Protein backbone atom coordinates (compact mmCIF):
# COMPACT_ATOMS: atom_id res chain seq x y z
CA MET A 1 41.16 38.62 -84.11
CA THR A 2 44.20 38.73 -86.88
CA GLU A 3 43.00 36.86 -90.63
CA ILE A 4 44.14 33.97 -91.01
CA ARG A 5 46.76 33.63 -93.52
CA ARG A 6 49.68 31.51 -92.61
CA ILE A 7 49.02 28.47 -90.35
CA ALA A 8 52.23 27.01 -88.35
CA VAL A 9 51.21 23.11 -88.11
CA VAL A 10 53.54 22.05 -84.60
CA GLY A 11 53.83 18.25 -84.72
CA GLY A 12 54.19 18.60 -89.07
CA GLY A 13 56.29 15.50 -89.71
CA GLY A 14 53.67 12.92 -87.94
CA GLN A 15 51.76 11.09 -88.73
CA MET A 16 49.00 13.87 -88.67
CA GLY A 17 50.24 16.67 -88.71
CA ASN A 18 51.74 16.42 -92.83
CA GLY A 19 48.34 15.61 -93.44
CA ILE A 20 46.79 18.95 -92.17
CA GLY A 21 49.35 20.10 -93.03
CA GLN A 22 48.34 19.33 -96.49
CA VAL A 23 44.80 20.21 -96.09
CA ALA A 24 45.16 23.66 -95.04
CA ALA A 25 47.84 23.88 -98.27
CA VAL A 26 45.22 22.56 -100.49
CA ALA A 27 42.87 25.29 -99.04
CA GLY A 28 45.24 28.08 -99.67
CA PHE A 29 47.17 28.50 -96.98
CA ASP A 30 50.97 29.02 -96.11
CA VAL A 31 51.95 26.54 -93.95
CA THR A 32 54.34 25.29 -92.03
CA LEU A 33 55.20 22.39 -90.51
CA LEU A 34 57.66 22.16 -88.26
CA ASP A 35 59.39 19.01 -85.47
CA VAL A 36 62.33 17.59 -83.76
CA ASP A 37 64.82 17.64 -86.75
CA ARG A 38 65.59 18.26 -90.09
CA ASP A 39 64.54 13.79 -91.35
CA ALA A 40 61.37 14.66 -89.39
CA THR A 41 60.24 17.32 -91.77
CA ASP A 42 61.28 15.41 -94.72
CA ARG A 43 58.89 11.98 -93.56
CA GLY A 44 56.03 14.68 -93.80
CA LEU A 45 56.90 15.98 -96.85
CA ALA A 46 57.28 12.88 -98.47
CA ARG A 47 54.30 11.57 -97.15
CA ILE A 48 52.50 14.46 -98.26
CA ASP A 49 53.86 14.86 -101.81
CA LYS A 50 52.60 11.34 -102.06
CA SER A 51 49.30 11.71 -100.97
CA LEU A 52 48.87 15.14 -103.50
CA ALA A 53 50.43 12.06 -106.39
CA ARG A 54 46.97 10.21 -105.54
CA LEU A 55 44.36 13.00 -105.67
CA VAL A 56 46.06 14.01 -109.02
CA LYS A 57 45.53 10.26 -109.97
CA ARG A 58 42.26 9.99 -108.62
CA GLY A 59 40.98 13.55 -110.24
CA ASP A 60 40.21 15.31 -106.38
CA LEU A 61 42.71 17.25 -108.08
CA THR A 62 45.00 18.99 -111.00
CA GLU A 63 48.60 19.35 -111.94
CA ASP A 64 48.43 22.57 -111.00
CA GLU A 65 46.34 22.26 -107.95
CA ARG A 66 48.65 20.67 -106.61
CA ASP A 67 51.60 21.86 -107.36
CA ARG A 68 50.59 25.34 -106.23
CA ALA A 69 49.72 23.36 -102.71
CA ARG A 70 52.81 22.65 -102.14
CA ALA A 71 54.72 25.50 -102.84
CA ARG A 72 52.75 26.68 -99.92
CA ILE A 73 54.98 24.48 -97.50
CA THR A 74 58.15 25.00 -95.72
CA THR A 75 59.62 23.99 -93.30
CA GLY A 76 60.97 24.33 -89.88
CA THR A 77 63.49 22.50 -86.47
CA GLY A 78 62.61 25.16 -83.96
CA LEU A 79 58.94 26.14 -82.76
CA ASP A 80 60.71 30.02 -83.13
CA ALA A 81 60.17 29.22 -86.78
CA ALA A 82 55.90 30.03 -85.63
CA ALA A 83 56.94 33.64 -84.71
CA GLU A 84 54.32 34.65 -88.02
CA ALA A 85 52.57 32.19 -87.75
CA ASP A 86 48.79 33.62 -87.71
CA HIS A 87 47.35 30.23 -85.79
CA VAL A 88 49.19 27.72 -85.01
CA ILE A 89 48.23 23.61 -84.87
CA GLU A 90 49.04 20.85 -81.84
CA ALA A 91 49.72 17.69 -83.44
CA ILE A 92 52.84 16.27 -81.24
CA VAL A 93 53.36 13.04 -79.11
CA GLU A 94 49.26 12.32 -77.36
CA ASP A 95 51.03 13.09 -74.05
CA LEU A 96 49.33 16.18 -71.95
CA ALA A 97 52.96 17.14 -70.33
CA ALA A 98 54.50 17.49 -73.51
CA LYS A 99 51.35 18.87 -75.11
CA GLN A 100 51.42 21.99 -72.08
CA GLU A 101 55.15 23.02 -72.18
CA THR A 102 54.87 22.52 -76.36
CA PHE A 103 51.78 25.95 -75.42
CA ALA A 104 53.74 27.71 -72.66
CA ARG A 105 56.77 28.45 -75.12
CA LEU A 106 54.36 29.08 -78.22
CA ASP A 107 52.71 31.39 -75.65
CA GLY A 108 55.98 33.84 -74.95
CA ILE A 109 57.08 32.80 -79.33
CA CYS A 110 53.88 34.05 -80.86
CA GLN A 111 51.65 37.14 -81.45
CA PRO A 112 48.88 37.87 -78.01
CA GLU A 113 45.65 37.58 -80.61
CA VAL A 114 47.16 33.54 -82.64
CA ILE A 115 45.04 31.28 -81.47
CA PHE A 116 46.71 27.69 -80.43
CA ALA A 117 44.36 24.73 -80.99
CA SER A 118 45.42 20.97 -80.29
CA ASN A 119 43.91 18.22 -81.58
CA THR A 120 44.82 15.59 -79.25
CA SER A 121 41.65 13.81 -78.71
CA GLN A 122 41.68 12.71 -75.45
CA PHE A 123 43.02 16.21 -73.02
CA PRO A 124 41.23 18.70 -71.44
CA ILE A 125 41.78 21.33 -73.24
CA SER A 126 41.11 23.94 -69.85
CA ALA A 127 44.92 21.87 -68.55
CA ILE A 128 46.49 22.85 -71.66
CA GLY A 129 44.92 26.00 -72.14
CA ARG A 130 46.07 26.88 -68.98
CA ALA A 131 49.45 26.11 -69.83
CA SER A 132 49.39 28.51 -72.69
CA GLY A 133 48.97 32.12 -71.03
CA ARG A 134 46.32 32.15 -73.14
CA ALA A 135 42.91 29.99 -72.13
CA ASP A 136 40.54 31.77 -73.93
CA ARG A 137 42.48 31.41 -78.03
CA VAL A 138 43.33 27.87 -76.26
CA ILE A 139 40.80 25.46 -78.16
CA GLY A 140 40.45 21.73 -79.20
CA THR A 141 40.76 20.90 -83.61
CA HIS A 142 40.88 16.77 -83.40
CA TRP A 143 41.14 16.27 -86.63
CA PHE A 144 40.44 12.06 -87.86
CA ASN A 145 43.49 10.46 -90.09
CA PRO A 146 43.80 10.40 -92.90
CA PRO A 147 42.90 13.73 -92.14
CA PRO A 148 43.26 14.82 -96.32
CA ILE A 149 40.21 12.19 -96.71
CA MET A 150 38.16 12.59 -93.51
CA ARG A 151 35.71 15.09 -93.08
CA LEU A 152 35.11 16.02 -89.99
CA ILE A 153 36.82 18.00 -87.04
CA GLU A 154 35.98 17.69 -83.55
CA VAL A 155 36.10 21.02 -81.74
CA VAL A 156 36.19 21.11 -78.31
CA ARG A 157 35.49 24.33 -75.76
CA GLY A 158 38.08 24.48 -73.27
CA LEU A 159 36.62 26.23 -70.27
CA GLU A 160 38.24 29.12 -70.88
CA THR A 161 37.69 29.41 -74.65
CA SER A 162 35.96 32.35 -76.08
CA ASP A 163 33.46 32.45 -78.37
CA GLN A 164 35.06 34.01 -80.48
CA THR A 165 37.62 31.49 -80.34
CA LEU A 166 35.30 28.95 -81.11
CA ALA A 167 33.31 31.10 -84.39
CA THR A 168 36.87 31.40 -85.84
CA VAL A 169 38.60 27.96 -85.59
CA LEU A 170 34.61 26.52 -86.87
CA ASP A 171 35.05 29.31 -89.80
CA LEU A 172 38.41 27.74 -90.33
CA ALA A 173 37.49 24.70 -90.45
CA GLY A 174 34.91 25.03 -92.65
CA ARG A 175 37.41 26.79 -94.57
CA PHE A 176 39.81 23.72 -94.61
CA GLY A 177 36.66 22.21 -96.75
CA LYS A 178 35.72 20.36 -93.10
CA GLN A 179 32.20 20.06 -91.56
CA THR A 180 32.50 19.80 -87.49
CA ILE A 181 31.13 19.03 -84.31
CA VAL A 182 31.06 20.81 -80.76
CA CYS A 183 31.93 18.91 -77.91
CA HIS A 184 30.99 22.01 -75.60
CA LYS A 185 32.07 20.59 -71.99
CA ASP A 186 35.68 19.47 -71.87
CA THR A 187 35.35 15.87 -71.05
CA ALA A 188 37.82 13.16 -70.87
CA GLY A 189 37.87 11.26 -74.64
CA PHE A 190 35.24 14.52 -76.16
CA VAL A 191 31.98 12.80 -77.90
CA THR A 192 34.60 10.97 -80.72
CA SER A 193 36.98 8.77 -78.73
CA ARG A 194 34.65 7.58 -75.65
CA LEU A 195 32.19 6.91 -79.61
CA ILE A 196 34.96 4.68 -81.12
CA MET A 197 37.36 3.29 -77.95
CA ALA A 198 33.78 1.22 -76.52
CA LEU A 199 33.30 0.40 -80.17
CA ILE A 200 36.97 -0.58 -80.53
CA LEU A 201 37.82 -2.50 -76.37
CA GLU A 202 34.42 -4.48 -77.40
CA ALA A 203 35.95 -5.90 -80.84
CA MET A 204 39.19 -6.82 -79.32
CA ARG A 205 37.20 -9.18 -77.27
CA LEU A 206 35.18 -10.54 -79.28
CA ALA A 207 38.63 -11.23 -80.59
CA GLU A 208 39.81 -11.96 -77.31
CA GLU A 209 37.75 -14.42 -76.77
CA GLY A 210 37.56 -16.31 -80.28
CA VAL A 211 33.54 -14.63 -80.69
CA ALA A 212 35.15 -14.39 -84.30
CA ASP A 213 37.80 -13.95 -86.88
CA VAL A 214 39.44 -10.81 -87.05
CA ALA A 215 38.79 -9.77 -90.65
CA ASP A 216 35.40 -10.97 -89.42
CA ILE A 217 34.17 -8.20 -86.45
CA ASN A 218 36.58 -5.66 -89.24
CA LYS A 219 33.92 -6.86 -92.03
CA ALA A 220 30.23 -7.17 -89.29
CA ALA A 221 31.95 -2.72 -88.90
CA VAL A 222 32.21 -2.23 -92.70
CA LEU A 223 29.54 -4.33 -94.15
CA GLY A 224 26.60 -4.51 -91.56
CA PHE A 225 27.27 -0.95 -90.15
CA ASN A 226 28.42 1.12 -93.46
CA HIS A 227 31.60 1.80 -91.99
CA ALA A 228 34.83 3.28 -94.15
CA MET A 229 37.02 0.85 -91.80
CA GLY A 230 36.73 -1.61 -88.95
CA PRO A 231 37.00 -1.13 -85.71
CA LEU A 232 40.59 -3.45 -85.74
CA ASP A 233 41.82 -2.16 -89.20
CA THR A 234 40.97 1.36 -87.82
CA VAL A 235 43.29 0.80 -84.34
CA ASP A 236 46.27 -0.52 -86.12
CA LEU A 237 46.12 2.32 -88.83
CA GLY A 238 46.25 4.51 -84.98
CA GLY A 239 48.80 2.54 -83.64
CA LEU A 240 48.14 -0.04 -80.33
CA ASP A 241 50.98 2.19 -78.90
CA THR A 242 48.96 5.76 -78.45
CA PHE A 243 45.78 3.90 -77.60
CA ILE A 244 47.27 2.64 -74.78
CA LYS A 245 47.58 5.89 -73.86
CA ALA A 246 43.74 6.60 -74.49
CA SER A 247 42.99 3.45 -72.54
CA ALA A 248 44.28 4.96 -69.22
CA SER A 249 43.73 8.06 -69.41
CA MET A 250 39.57 7.10 -69.89
CA THR A 251 39.85 4.14 -67.82
CA GLU A 252 40.98 6.58 -64.83
CA ALA A 253 38.20 9.43 -65.84
CA TYR A 254 35.25 7.08 -66.26
CA GLY A 255 36.20 3.47 -65.07
CA GLU A 256 36.61 -0.73 -65.83
CA ARG A 257 34.76 -0.04 -69.13
CA PHE A 258 37.32 1.87 -71.12
CA ARG A 259 40.85 -0.86 -69.46
CA SER A 260 42.92 -2.21 -72.44
CA PRO A 261 41.84 -6.20 -73.30
CA GLN A 262 45.30 -8.19 -72.96
CA ILE A 263 44.57 -8.90 -76.16
CA VAL A 264 46.67 -5.54 -77.19
CA ARG A 265 49.14 -5.01 -74.00
CA THR A 266 50.63 -8.32 -75.55
CA LEU A 267 51.25 -7.45 -79.39
CA VAL A 268 52.22 -3.81 -77.64
CA ASN A 269 54.55 -5.07 -75.30
CA ALA A 270 56.25 -8.11 -77.95
CA GLY A 271 56.27 -4.84 -80.28
CA HIS A 272 53.50 -5.02 -82.92
CA TYR A 273 51.73 -1.20 -82.66
CA GLY A 274 50.04 -1.36 -85.76
CA TRP A 275 50.53 -1.23 -89.23
CA LYS A 276 53.56 1.24 -88.82
CA THR A 277 55.68 -2.29 -87.08
CA GLY A 278 53.57 -4.08 -90.33
CA ARG A 279 51.77 -6.09 -87.75
CA GLY A 280 49.01 -5.21 -85.50
CA PHE A 281 45.50 -6.80 -85.47
CA SER A 282 46.20 -8.13 -88.72
CA ASP A 283 49.16 -8.33 -90.87
CA ARG A 284 50.21 -4.97 -92.64
CA GLY A 285 53.46 -3.97 -94.42
CA THR A 286 55.75 -1.91 -92.46
CA ALA A 287 53.61 1.96 -93.29
CA GLU A 288 55.42 4.57 -95.24
């Protein structure tokens, strides 16, 4: 395998992609953020600038470290810009067909030895790998939001993922300053999505039944279980529209226990997707 120095993040303007790119740049890698147009990549860069400024203010980075990291980041608006990358991380919309198409196109652009990693939280890595033309070099790296703060990467093997690919990605995660768990079976939702969705769904049902207020349900998880964020705040942050899609996929795999209750479907039908639209289970100003 080629030594990894240059990383392309596909979907780099999005909520997860820009954070992943920031982590890689701070860790010393050259990073290219790729997205559909200049507006998207500009939004990603603006989010990175604000995040880096917060880290400097907190004393987690020096101004010199911030400037060096920022200088390592470039942008592009087509997949061809990934041609020089040593590693590709995909962080586009949670749509299996879109991911398969993206990886199939990347296979014709990138060098044969390049490993492709998908940030999917639920879709089978084996299905993504089959479409890529290099299934042995496709792996799941499920990051958590926000990537610069959250310490875990869930690494997921597809059926054809090689031992060398797994070892390379585990080493890379360590270079990013992250800890890892490995999901050995390529099952829907992997480890963490099954756990968090079960908690979120039960929290939604508690709110729908009027058992407790949204704020108290969140407080129960934060103070009682030492969670950093309550389950309903977590889903508001991630996006209720994204959750609905994930829930449908998990219901298909595991049955009714993962079906979204009406309370969240009503919010999504009304165009309330969580904090990015200013309203979800709790109200919050529109995300920057």
